[in-house]
Amino acid sequence: KLTCQRLSELYGLDPSTPLFRVLRHLWQVDENGRPLLALLTALARDPLLRVTSTTILQMPNGEELMRQKLMNALRQSVEDRLNTGTLNTTVRNISSSWTQSGHLKGRVRKIRQKVKPTPIVTAYALLLAYILGARGGGLFNTLWAKVLDTPVEELISLAIEAKRLGFLDLSQAGGVIEVSFARMLTEDERQLIHGTD
């Protein structure tokens, strides 16, 4: 029960939390996207997982993950706040998270592979960037977009498909792209994020 409570607090598993409310909705409509939806949510809420993103995302496709790289990234972030045992457990759990998302494959030897986002996962990644203040074309150059292992042009195509499916609003003209999330966020949430939408 205590573990469930701690996980709920860490990952914001509360329907009154906008991120979780949106995740629950998307989870129901995008079964194929669930691994990436889960990872994006975890990255948004878990700073230790987020610290390892550069290590994973910079790996070429087919490269084996050297456990020490994750250990070094974490140690640089937490310095001496975690003992070696806790750090080892954290590395194991983080490796598992990246494997479950599809970025790594293999039980013992973790090999980097590219993921294939769905339009709905793309909309969610863009929403996370939007909540943190990114706008326009900048939405496609954030950590959240990079997690999708997809070139910007393809992400824009996926976002256009997400618009067609009713998950975001998007307009594009003269090299300028605008994306908004009136369909996913309430009016109060949009105002809370950055004044007005």
N, C-alpha and C. Protein backbone atom coordinates (compact mmCIF):
# COMPACT_ATOMS: atom_id res chain seq x y z
N LYS A 1 0.83 -1.20 0.00
CA LYS A 1 0.00 0.00 0.00
C LYS A 1 0.87 1.26 0.00
N LEU A 2 1.93 1.24 0.79
CA LEU A 2 2.84 2.39 0.86
C LEU A 2 3.54 2.60 -0.48
N THR A 3 3.95 1.49 -1.13
CA THR A 3 4.60 1.59 -2.44
C THR A 3 3.65 2.23 -3.45
N CYS A 4 2.41 1.80 -3.44
CA CYS A 4 1.41 2.36 -4.35
C CYS A 4 1.24 3.86 -4.10
N GLN A 5 1.20 4.24 -2.84
CA GLN A 5 1.05 5.65 -2.49
C GLN A 5 2.25 6.46 -2.99
N ARG A 6 3.45 5.93 -2.78
CA ARG A 6 4.66 6.64 -3.22
C ARG A 6 4.71 6.78 -4.73
N LEU A 7 4.36 5.69 -5.44
CA LEU A 7 4.35 5.75 -6.90
C LEU A 7 3.29 6.74 -7.39
N SER A 8 2.15 6.74 -6.73
CA SER A 8 1.08 7.68 -7.10
C SER A 8 1.54 9.12 -6.93
N GLU A 9 2.27 9.38 -5.86
CA GLU A 9 2.78 10.73 -5.62
C GLU A 9 3.86 11.10 -6.64
N LEU A 10 4.81 10.19 -6.87
CA LEU A 10 5.91 10.47 -7.79
C LEU A 10 5.39 10.72 -9.20
N TYR A 11 4.48 9.89 -9.66
CA TYR A 11 4.02 9.98 -11.04
C TYR A 11 2.72 10.76 -11.20
N GLY A 12 2.23 11.37 -10.13
CA GLY A 12 1.05 12.23 -10.23
C GLY A 12 -0.18 11.48 -10.68
N LEU A 13 -0.38 10.28 -10.14
CA LEU A 13 -1.51 9.44 -10.55
C LEU A 13 -2.78 9.90 -9.84
N ASP A 14 -3.26 11.04 -10.26
CA ASP A 14 -4.43 11.66 -9.66
C ASP A 14 -5.23 12.31 -10.78
N PRO A 15 -6.49 11.94 -10.94
CA PRO A 15 -7.29 12.50 -12.04
C PRO A 15 -7.39 14.02 -12.04
N SER A 16 -7.13 14.66 -10.91
CA SER A 16 -7.17 16.12 -10.89
C SER A 16 -5.88 16.74 -11.44
N THR A 17 -4.87 15.91 -11.66
CA THR A 17 -3.62 16.36 -12.27
C THR A 17 -3.81 16.33 -13.79
N PRO A 18 -3.65 17.47 -14.46
CA PRO A 18 -3.91 17.51 -15.91
C PRO A 18 -3.15 16.45 -16.70
N LEU A 19 -1.89 16.25 -16.38
CA LEU A 19 -1.09 15.27 -17.11
C LEU A 19 -1.68 13.87 -17.01
N PHE A 20 -2.07 13.49 -15.81
CA PHE A 20 -2.63 12.16 -15.61
C PHE A 20 -4.01 12.04 -16.26
N ARG A 21 -4.80 13.10 -16.18
CA ARG A 21 -6.12 13.08 -16.81
C ARG A 21 -5.98 12.86 -18.32
N VAL A 22 -5.06 13.59 -18.94
CA VAL A 22 -4.84 13.44 -20.38
C VAL A 22 -4.28 12.06 -20.68
N LEU A 23 -3.31 11.61 -19.89
CA LEU A 23 -2.74 10.27 -20.09
C LEU A 23 -3.82 9.20 -20.06
N ARG A 24 -4.70 9.26 -19.08
CA ARG A 24 -5.76 8.25 -18.98
C ARG A 24 -6.62 8.22 -20.23
N HIS A 25 -6.94 9.38 -20.75
CA HIS A 25 -7.75 9.43 -21.97
C HIS A 25 -6.99 8.83 -23.15
N LEU A 26 -5.73 9.24 -23.32
CA LEU A 26 -4.95 8.75 -24.45
C LEU A 26 -4.66 7.25 -24.33
N TRP A 27 -4.49 6.79 -23.10
CA TRP A 27 -4.22 5.38 -22.84
C TRP A 27 -5.37 4.51 -23.39
N GLN A 28 -6.58 5.01 -23.25
CA GLN A 28 -7.75 4.26 -23.71
C GLN A 28 -7.84 4.18 -25.23
N VAL A 29 -7.33 5.20 -25.91
CA VAL A 29 -7.53 5.26 -27.36
C VAL A 29 -6.29 4.87 -28.18
N ASP A 30 -5.15 4.65 -27.52
CA ASP A 30 -3.92 4.35 -28.27
C ASP A 30 -3.15 3.21 -27.60
N GLU A 31 -3.64 2.01 -27.80
CA GLU A 31 -3.00 0.84 -27.18
C GLU A 31 -1.56 0.68 -27.66
N ASN A 32 -1.31 0.89 -28.95
CA ASN A 32 0.05 0.75 -29.47
C ASN A 32 1.00 1.79 -28.90
N GLY A 33 0.48 2.93 -28.51
CA GLY A 33 1.32 4.00 -28.00
C GLY A 33 1.58 3.93 -26.50
N ARG A 34 0.98 2.99 -25.82
CA ARG A 34 1.09 2.94 -24.36
C ARG A 34 2.52 2.93 -23.82
N PRO A 35 3.43 2.15 -24.38
CA PRO A 35 4.80 2.18 -23.83
C PRO A 35 5.43 3.58 -23.88
N LEU A 36 5.22 4.29 -24.98
CA LEU A 36 5.79 5.64 -25.08
C LEU A 36 5.01 6.65 -24.24
N LEU A 37 3.70 6.48 -24.15
CA LEU A 37 2.92 7.36 -23.27
C LEU A 37 3.41 7.23 -21.83
N ALA A 38 3.64 5.99 -21.41
CA ALA A 38 4.12 5.75 -20.04
C ALA A 38 5.50 6.37 -19.84
N LEU A 39 6.39 6.18 -20.81
CA LEU A 39 7.74 6.74 -20.67
C LEU A 39 7.69 8.27 -20.63
N LEU A 40 6.93 8.88 -21.50
CA LEU A 40 6.84 10.35 -21.52
C LEU A 40 6.34 10.87 -20.18
N THR A 41 5.34 10.20 -19.62
CA THR A 41 4.82 10.62 -18.32
C THR A 41 5.88 10.44 -17.24
N ALA A 42 6.56 9.31 -17.27
CA ALA A 42 7.61 9.06 -16.28
C ALA A 42 8.73 10.10 -16.41
N LEU A 43 9.11 10.43 -17.63
CA LEU A 43 10.15 11.44 -17.82
C LEU A 43 9.71 12.80 -17.29
N ALA A 44 8.43 13.10 -17.44
CA ALA A 44 7.92 14.39 -16.96
C ALA A 44 7.95 14.47 -15.44
N ARG A 45 7.85 13.33 -14.78
CA ARG A 45 7.70 13.33 -13.33
C ARG A 45 8.95 12.85 -12.58
N ASP A 46 9.82 12.11 -13.24
CA ASP A 46 10.94 11.45 -12.55
C ASP A 46 12.27 12.06 -12.99
N PRO A 47 12.87 12.90 -12.16
CA PRO A 47 14.11 13.56 -12.57
C PRO A 47 15.28 12.60 -12.80
N LEU A 48 15.33 11.49 -12.08
CA LEU A 48 16.43 10.55 -12.28
C LEU A 48 16.32 9.86 -13.64
N LEU A 49 15.13 9.52 -14.04
CA LEU A 49 14.94 8.94 -15.37
C LEU A 49 15.30 9.97 -16.44
N ARG A 50 14.88 11.20 -16.22
CA ARG A 50 15.15 12.28 -17.19
C ARG A 50 16.66 12.51 -17.35
N VAL A 51 17.41 12.38 -16.28
CA VAL A 51 18.87 12.56 -16.33
C VAL A 51 19.51 11.58 -17.30
N THR A 52 18.93 10.41 -17.45
CA THR A 52 19.53 9.38 -18.32
C THR A 52 19.11 9.52 -19.78
N SER A 53 18.20 10.42 -20.07
CA SER A 53 17.67 10.52 -21.44
C SER A 53 18.76 10.83 -22.47
N THR A 54 19.66 11.72 -22.15
CA THR A 54 20.72 12.07 -23.11
C THR A 54 21.57 10.84 -23.43
N THR A 55 21.91 10.08 -22.40
CA THR A 55 22.72 8.87 -22.60
C THR A 55 22.02 7.92 -23.57
N ILE A 56 20.74 7.69 -23.36
CA ILE A 56 20.00 6.74 -24.21
C ILE A 56 19.77 7.31 -25.60
N LEU A 57 19.32 8.54 -25.68
CA LEU A 57 18.93 9.10 -26.97
C LEU A 57 20.11 9.36 -27.89
N GLN A 58 21.30 9.52 -27.34
CA GLN A 58 22.48 9.74 -28.18
C GLN A 58 23.11 8.44 -28.67
N MET A 59 22.63 7.31 -28.18
CA MET A 59 23.17 6.03 -28.63
C MET A 59 22.74 5.74 -30.06
N PRO A 60 23.66 5.32 -30.91
CA PRO A 60 23.26 4.92 -32.26
C PRO A 60 22.43 3.63 -32.22
N ASN A 61 21.57 3.50 -33.19
CA ASN A 61 20.77 2.29 -33.31
C ASN A 61 21.69 1.08 -33.39
N GLY A 62 21.42 0.05 -32.59
CA GLY A 62 22.22 -1.17 -32.60
C GLY A 62 23.35 -1.19 -31.59
N GLU A 63 23.63 -0.07 -30.95
CA GLU A 63 24.71 -0.02 -29.95
C GLU A 63 24.26 -0.64 -28.64
N GLU A 64 25.18 -1.35 -27.98
CA GLU A 64 24.88 -1.93 -26.68
C GLU A 64 25.05 -0.87 -25.60
N LEU A 65 24.11 -0.83 -24.67
CA LEU A 65 24.19 0.10 -23.55
C LEU A 65 25.24 -0.38 -22.57
N MET A 66 26.17 0.48 -22.27
CA MET A 66 27.14 0.20 -21.23
C MET A 66 26.56 0.75 -19.93
N ARG A 67 26.30 -0.15 -19.02
CA ARG A 67 25.68 0.19 -17.74
C ARG A 67 26.38 1.36 -17.05
N GLN A 68 27.69 1.41 -17.22
CA GLN A 68 28.48 2.45 -16.57
C GLN A 68 28.10 3.85 -17.06
N LYS A 69 27.64 3.95 -18.31
CA LYS A 69 27.22 5.26 -18.83
C LYS A 69 26.02 5.79 -18.05
N LEU A 70 25.06 4.91 -17.77
CA LEU A 70 23.91 5.34 -16.96
C LEU A 70 24.36 5.68 -15.55
N MET A 71 25.23 4.86 -15.02
CA MET A 71 25.75 5.08 -13.66
C MET A 71 26.44 6.45 -13.59
N ASN A 72 27.25 6.76 -14.59
CA ASN A 72 27.96 8.04 -14.61
C ASN A 72 26.99 9.22 -14.70
N ALA A 73 25.98 9.09 -15.55
CA ALA A 73 25.00 10.17 -15.70
C ALA A 73 24.27 10.41 -14.38
N LEU A 74 23.89 9.33 -13.72
CA LEU A 74 23.20 9.47 -12.44
C LEU A 74 24.12 10.02 -11.36
N ARG A 75 25.32 9.49 -11.30
CA ARG A 75 26.26 9.94 -10.26
C ARG A 75 26.56 11.43 -10.43
N GLN A 76 26.69 11.89 -11.67
CA GLN A 76 26.94 13.30 -11.91
C GLN A 76 25.77 14.15 -11.40
N SER A 77 24.57 13.62 -11.53
CA SER A 77 23.39 14.36 -11.10
C SER A 77 23.19 14.33 -9.59
N VAL A 78 23.33 13.15 -9.00
CA VAL A 78 23.01 13.00 -7.57
C VAL A 78 24.24 13.13 -6.67
N GLU A 79 25.42 13.14 -7.28
CA GLU A 79 26.69 13.20 -6.55
C GLU A 79 26.73 12.08 -5.51
N ASP A 80 26.86 12.41 -4.25
CA ASP A 80 26.98 11.37 -3.21
C ASP A 80 25.69 11.15 -2.43
N ARG A 81 24.58 11.62 -2.96
CA ARG A 81 23.32 11.48 -2.22
C ARG A 81 22.77 10.06 -2.22
N LEU A 82 23.18 9.23 -3.19
CA LEU A 82 22.73 7.84 -3.23
C LEU A 82 23.93 6.92 -3.02
N ASN A 83 23.73 5.90 -2.19
CA ASN A 83 24.83 4.94 -2.00
C ASN A 83 24.90 4.01 -3.22
N THR A 84 25.95 3.23 -3.30
CA THR A 84 26.19 2.39 -4.47
C THR A 84 25.06 1.39 -4.69
N GLY A 85 24.54 0.80 -3.63
CA GLY A 85 23.45 -0.16 -3.77
C GLY A 85 22.20 0.48 -4.35
N THR A 86 21.85 1.65 -3.85
CA THR A 86 20.68 2.36 -4.36
C THR A 86 20.90 2.79 -5.81
N LEU A 87 22.10 3.22 -6.10
CA LEU A 87 22.43 3.62 -7.47
C LEU A 87 22.32 2.43 -8.43
N ASN A 88 22.81 1.27 -8.01
CA ASN A 88 22.71 0.06 -8.85
C ASN A 88 21.25 -0.31 -9.11
N THR A 89 20.43 -0.24 -8.07
CA THR A 89 19.01 -0.54 -8.22
C THR A 89 18.35 0.47 -9.15
N THR A 90 18.71 1.73 -9.00
CA THR A 90 18.15 2.78 -9.85
C THR A 90 18.53 2.56 -11.31
N VAL A 91 19.78 2.20 -11.56
CA VAL A 91 20.22 1.93 -12.94
C VAL A 91 19.44 0.76 -13.52
N ARG A 92 19.25 -0.28 -12.73
CA ARG A 92 18.49 -1.45 -13.20
C ARG A 92 17.05 -1.05 -13.54
N ASN A 93 16.42 -0.27 -12.67
CA ASN A 93 15.04 0.15 -12.91
C ASN A 93 14.94 1.08 -14.13
N ILE A 94 15.89 1.97 -14.25
CA ILE A 94 15.88 2.91 -15.39
C ILE A 94 16.11 2.15 -16.70
N SER A 95 17.02 1.19 -16.69
CA SER A 95 17.25 0.37 -17.89
C SER A 95 15.96 -0.35 -18.28
N SER A 96 15.26 -0.83 -17.28
CA SER A 96 13.99 -1.51 -17.53
C SER A 96 12.97 -0.55 -18.14
N SER A 97 12.92 0.67 -17.64
CA SER A 97 11.98 1.66 -18.19
C SER A 97 12.26 1.93 -19.66
N TRP A 98 13.53 2.12 -20.00
CA TRP A 98 13.89 2.37 -21.40
C TRP A 98 13.65 1.14 -22.27
N THR A 99 13.75 -0.04 -21.68
CA THR A 99 13.46 -1.27 -22.43
C THR A 99 11.96 -1.39 -22.66
N GLN A 100 11.18 -1.14 -21.64
CA GLN A 100 9.72 -1.24 -21.78
C GLN A 100 9.17 -0.22 -22.78
N SER A 101 9.83 0.91 -22.90
CA SER A 101 9.37 1.92 -23.86
C SER A 101 9.71 1.53 -25.30
N GLY A 102 10.66 0.60 -25.46
CA GLY A 102 11.08 0.18 -26.78
C GLY A 102 12.39 0.78 -27.25
N HIS A 103 13.00 1.67 -26.45
CA HIS A 103 14.27 2.29 -26.83
C HIS A 103 15.44 1.31 -26.73
N LEU A 104 15.30 0.32 -25.86
CA LEU A 104 16.30 -0.72 -25.70
C LEU A 104 15.61 -2.07 -25.87
N LYS A 105 16.39 -3.06 -26.29
CA LYS A 105 15.85 -4.42 -26.34
C LYS A 105 16.88 -5.36 -25.75
N GLY A 106 16.40 -6.48 -25.25
CA GLY A 106 17.28 -7.48 -24.66
C GLY A 106 17.12 -7.54 -23.16
N ARG A 107 17.32 -8.75 -22.62
CA ARG A 107 17.19 -8.94 -21.17
C ARG A 107 18.48 -8.58 -20.45
N VAL A 108 19.57 -9.12 -20.92
CA VAL A 108 20.85 -8.90 -20.25
C VAL A 108 21.63 -7.82 -20.99
N ARG A 109 21.84 -8.05 -22.27
CA ARG A 109 22.50 -7.04 -23.11
C ARG A 109 21.43 -6.12 -23.65
N LYS A 110 21.51 -4.86 -23.31
CA LYS A 110 20.52 -3.87 -23.75
C LYS A 110 21.04 -3.19 -25.01
N ILE A 111 20.30 -3.36 -26.10
CA ILE A 111 20.69 -2.83 -27.40
C ILE A 111 19.73 -1.71 -27.79
N ARG A 112 20.28 -0.61 -28.25
CA ARG A 112 19.46 0.55 -28.64
C ARG A 112 18.71 0.24 -29.92
N GLN A 113 17.45 0.58 -29.93
CA GLN A 113 16.64 0.49 -31.14
C GLN A 113 15.75 1.73 -31.21
N LYS A 114 15.33 2.06 -32.40
CA LYS A 114 14.48 3.23 -32.60
C LYS A 114 13.03 2.86 -32.31
N VAL A 115 12.31 3.81 -31.74
CA VAL A 115 10.88 3.61 -31.49
C VAL A 115 10.08 4.24 -32.62
N LYS A 116 8.83 3.85 -32.71
CA LYS A 116 7.94 4.38 -33.74
C LYS A 116 6.72 4.98 -33.06
N PRO A 117 6.68 6.30 -32.96
CA PRO A 117 5.55 6.93 -32.27
C PRO A 117 4.29 6.93 -33.12
N THR A 118 3.18 6.93 -32.45
CA THR A 118 1.89 7.09 -33.10
C THR A 118 1.55 8.58 -33.14
N PRO A 119 0.55 8.96 -33.90
CA PRO A 119 0.13 10.37 -33.88
C PRO A 119 -0.31 10.83 -32.47
N ILE A 120 -0.94 9.95 -31.73
CA ILE A 120 -1.42 10.32 -30.40
C ILE A 120 -0.24 10.50 -29.44
N VAL A 121 0.75 9.64 -29.53
CA VAL A 121 1.96 9.79 -28.71
C VAL A 121 2.64 11.12 -29.07
N THR A 122 2.68 11.42 -30.34
CA THR A 122 3.29 12.68 -30.79
C THR A 122 2.55 13.87 -30.19
N ALA A 123 1.23 13.82 -30.20
CA ALA A 123 0.43 14.90 -29.61
C ALA A 123 0.75 15.05 -28.12
N TYR A 124 0.90 13.94 -27.43
CA TYR A 124 1.20 13.98 -25.99
C TYR A 124 2.59 14.57 -25.74
N ALA A 125 3.56 14.17 -26.55
CA ALA A 125 4.92 14.71 -26.40
C ALA A 125 4.91 16.23 -26.64
N LEU A 126 4.17 16.66 -27.64
CA LEU A 126 4.08 18.09 -27.93
C LEU A 126 3.35 18.82 -26.80
N LEU A 127 2.36 18.18 -26.22
CA LEU A 127 1.65 18.78 -25.08
C LEU A 127 2.60 18.98 -23.90
N LEU A 128 3.43 18.00 -23.62
CA LEU A 128 4.39 18.14 -22.52
C LEU A 128 5.32 19.33 -22.77
N ALA A 129 5.78 19.46 -23.99
CA ALA A 129 6.65 20.59 -24.34
C ALA A 129 5.89 21.91 -24.21
N TYR A 130 4.65 21.91 -24.63
CA TYR A 130 3.80 23.10 -24.57
C TYR A 130 3.59 23.54 -23.12
N ILE A 131 3.33 22.58 -22.26
CA ILE A 131 3.12 22.89 -20.84
C ILE A 131 4.37 23.55 -20.25
N LEU A 132 5.53 23.16 -20.75
CA LEU A 132 6.79 23.73 -20.25
C LEU A 132 7.20 25.01 -20.97
N GLY A 133 6.35 25.49 -21.87
CA GLY A 133 6.60 26.79 -22.48
C GLY A 133 7.06 26.81 -23.92
N ALA A 134 7.30 25.66 -24.52
CA ALA A 134 7.70 25.64 -25.93
C ALA A 134 6.49 26.01 -26.80
N ARG A 135 6.76 26.67 -27.90
CA ARG A 135 5.69 27.07 -28.81
C ARG A 135 6.18 26.91 -30.25
N GLY A 136 5.23 26.85 -31.17
CA GLY A 136 5.55 26.80 -32.59
C GLY A 136 6.48 25.66 -32.95
N GLY A 137 7.42 25.95 -33.84
CA GLY A 137 8.37 24.93 -34.27
C GLY A 137 9.26 24.43 -33.15
N GLY A 138 9.39 25.22 -32.10
CA GLY A 138 10.20 24.80 -30.95
C GLY A 138 9.66 23.56 -30.26
N LEU A 139 8.37 23.30 -30.42
CA LEU A 139 7.78 22.09 -29.83
C LEU A 139 8.44 20.82 -30.35
N PHE A 140 8.94 20.89 -31.58
CA PHE A 140 9.48 19.71 -32.24
C PHE A 140 10.97 19.50 -31.97
N ASN A 141 11.55 20.34 -31.13
CA ASN A 141 12.98 20.25 -30.82
C ASN A 141 13.25 20.13 -29.32
N THR A 142 12.32 19.59 -28.60
CA THR A 142 12.45 19.44 -27.15
C THR A 142 12.83 18.01 -26.80
N LEU A 143 13.14 17.80 -25.55
CA LEU A 143 13.40 16.43 -25.07
C LEU A 143 12.23 15.52 -25.43
N TRP A 144 11.03 16.02 -25.23
CA TRP A 144 9.83 15.19 -25.46
C TRP A 144 9.76 14.73 -26.91
N ALA A 145 10.10 15.60 -27.84
CA ALA A 145 10.11 15.22 -29.25
C ALA A 145 11.28 14.29 -29.56
N LYS A 146 12.42 14.54 -28.95
CA LYS A 146 13.59 13.70 -29.21
C LYS A 146 13.38 12.27 -28.74
N VAL A 147 12.60 12.09 -27.70
CA VAL A 147 12.31 10.75 -27.18
C VAL A 147 11.62 9.90 -28.25
N LEU A 148 10.99 10.54 -29.22
CA LEU A 148 10.24 9.82 -30.24
C LEU A 148 11.10 9.29 -31.38
N ASP A 149 12.42 9.60 -31.37
CA ASP A 149 13.35 9.04 -32.36
C ASP A 149 12.92 9.29 -33.80
N THR A 150 12.33 10.42 -34.06
CA THR A 150 11.74 10.68 -35.37
C THR A 150 12.17 12.05 -35.87
N PRO A 151 12.57 12.16 -37.14
CA PRO A 151 12.93 13.47 -37.68
C PRO A 151 11.77 14.47 -37.59
N VAL A 152 12.11 15.73 -37.50
CA VAL A 152 11.11 16.79 -37.32
C VAL A 152 10.03 16.73 -38.40
N GLU A 153 10.42 16.53 -39.65
CA GLU A 153 9.43 16.50 -40.74
C GLU A 153 8.39 15.41 -40.51
N GLU A 154 8.85 14.25 -40.06
CA GLU A 154 7.92 13.15 -39.78
C GLU A 154 7.06 13.45 -38.56
N LEU A 155 7.65 14.11 -37.56
CA LEU A 155 6.87 14.50 -36.38
C LEU A 155 5.75 15.46 -36.78
N ILE A 156 6.07 16.38 -37.68
CA ILE A 156 5.04 17.31 -38.14
C ILE A 156 3.92 16.55 -38.85
N SER A 157 4.28 15.57 -39.66
CA SER A 157 3.26 14.74 -40.32
C SER A 157 2.42 13.99 -39.30
N LEU A 158 3.06 13.46 -38.27
CA LEU A 158 2.31 12.77 -37.21
C LEU A 158 1.40 13.75 -36.46
N ALA A 159 1.88 14.97 -36.25
CA ALA A 159 1.06 15.99 -35.58
C ALA A 159 -0.14 16.37 -36.45
N ILE A 160 0.06 16.44 -37.75
CA ILE A 160 -1.06 16.73 -38.66
C ILE A 160 -2.10 15.61 -38.57
N GLU A 161 -1.62 14.38 -38.48
CA GLU A 161 -2.55 13.25 -38.32
C GLU A 161 -3.25 13.32 -36.96
N ALA A 162 -2.53 13.73 -35.92
CA ALA A 162 -3.15 13.90 -34.60
C ALA A 162 -4.23 14.98 -34.65
N LYS A 163 -3.99 16.01 -35.43
CA LYS A 163 -5.01 17.05 -35.61
C LYS A 163 -6.24 16.44 -36.28
N ARG A 164 -6.01 15.68 -37.33
CA ARG A 164 -7.12 15.04 -38.04
C ARG A 164 -7.94 14.14 -37.11
N LEU A 165 -7.24 13.51 -36.16
CA LEU A 165 -7.90 12.62 -35.20
C LEU A 165 -8.56 13.39 -34.06
N GLY A 166 -8.30 14.70 -33.98
CA GLY A 166 -8.95 15.54 -32.98
C GLY A 166 -8.20 15.71 -31.67
N PHE A 167 -6.88 15.52 -31.68
CA PHE A 167 -6.12 15.61 -30.43
C PHE A 167 -5.37 16.92 -30.23
N LEU A 168 -5.25 17.71 -31.27
CA LEU A 168 -4.61 19.02 -31.13
C LEU A 168 -5.07 19.91 -32.27
N ASP A 169 -4.71 21.17 -32.17
CA ASP A 169 -4.98 22.12 -33.24
C ASP A 169 -3.64 22.52 -33.83
N LEU A 170 -3.57 22.58 -35.14
CA LEU A 170 -2.30 22.87 -35.81
C LEU A 170 -2.58 23.67 -37.07
N SER A 171 -1.78 24.71 -37.26
CA SER A 171 -1.84 25.44 -38.53
C SER A 171 -0.41 25.69 -38.97
N GLN A 172 -0.23 25.71 -40.28
CA GLN A 172 1.11 25.82 -40.84
C GLN A 172 1.03 26.69 -42.09
N ALA A 173 1.88 27.71 -42.14
CA ALA A 173 1.93 28.57 -43.32
C ALA A 173 3.26 29.29 -43.37
N GLY A 174 3.85 29.35 -44.55
CA GLY A 174 5.09 30.09 -44.74
C GLY A 174 6.21 29.68 -43.81
N GLY A 175 6.32 28.40 -43.52
CA GLY A 175 7.39 27.92 -42.66
C GLY A 175 7.13 28.12 -41.18
N VAL A 176 5.97 28.67 -40.84
CA VAL A 176 5.62 28.88 -39.43
C VAL A 176 4.56 27.86 -39.05
N ILE A 177 4.76 27.25 -37.91
CA ILE A 177 3.79 26.25 -37.44
C ILE A 177 3.29 26.67 -36.06
N GLU A 178 2.00 26.55 -35.88
CA GLU A 178 1.38 26.85 -34.59
C GLU A 178 0.62 25.62 -34.13
N VAL A 179 0.81 25.27 -32.87
CA VAL A 179 0.13 24.12 -32.29
C VAL A 179 -0.49 24.56 -30.98
N SER A 180 -1.73 24.15 -30.75
CA SER A 180 -2.37 24.44 -29.47
C SER A 180 -3.18 23.22 -29.03
N PHE A 181 -3.63 23.27 -27.80
CA PHE A 181 -4.20 22.07 -27.18
C PHE A 181 -5.54 22.33 -26.51
N ALA A 182 -6.38 23.12 -27.16
CA ALA A 182 -7.70 23.40 -26.60
C ALA A 182 -8.51 22.12 -26.44
N ARG A 183 -8.19 21.12 -27.23
CA ARG A 183 -8.93 19.85 -27.16
C ARG A 183 -8.49 18.98 -25.99
N MET A 184 -7.29 19.20 -25.48
CA MET A 184 -6.78 18.37 -24.39
C MET A 184 -6.80 19.07 -23.04
N LEU A 185 -6.68 20.38 -23.05
CA LEU A 185 -6.59 21.13 -21.80
C LEU A 185 -7.87 21.93 -21.59
N THR A 186 -8.25 22.06 -20.35
CA THR A 186 -9.39 22.90 -20.04
C THR A 186 -8.98 24.37 -20.15
N GLU A 187 -9.95 25.23 -20.21
CA GLU A 187 -9.67 26.68 -20.26
C GLU A 187 -8.83 27.10 -19.06
N ASP A 188 -9.20 26.63 -17.87
CA ASP A 188 -8.45 26.98 -16.66
C ASP A 188 -7.00 26.49 -16.75
N GLU A 189 -6.80 25.30 -17.28
CA GLU A 189 -5.44 24.76 -17.41
C GLU A 189 -4.62 25.59 -18.40
N ARG A 190 -5.24 25.97 -19.51
CA ARG A 190 -4.52 26.79 -20.50
C ARG A 190 -4.12 28.13 -19.90
N GLN A 191 -5.01 28.73 -19.14
CA GLN A 191 -4.69 30.02 -18.52
C GLN A 191 -3.61 29.86 -17.45
N LEU A 192 -3.66 28.77 -16.73
CA LEU A 192 -2.67 28.50 -15.69
C LEU A 192 -1.27 28.31 -16.28
N ILE A 193 -1.21 27.67 -17.44
CA ILE A 193 0.09 27.37 -18.05
C ILE A 193 0.83 28.65 -18.44
N HIS A 194 0.17 29.52 -19.18
CA HIS A 194 0.87 30.72 -19.66
C HIS A 194 -0.07 31.90 -19.85
N GLY A 195 -0.86 32.16 -18.90
CA GLY A 195 -1.76 33.31 -19.01
C GLY A 195 -2.98 32.96 -19.83
N THR A 196 -2.90 33.14 -21.13
CA THR A 196 -4.01 32.77 -22.00
C THR A 196 -3.46 31.99 -23.18
N ASP A 197 -4.33 31.30 -23.86
CA ASP A 197 -3.93 30.48 -25.00
C ASP A 197 -4.20 31.22 -26.29
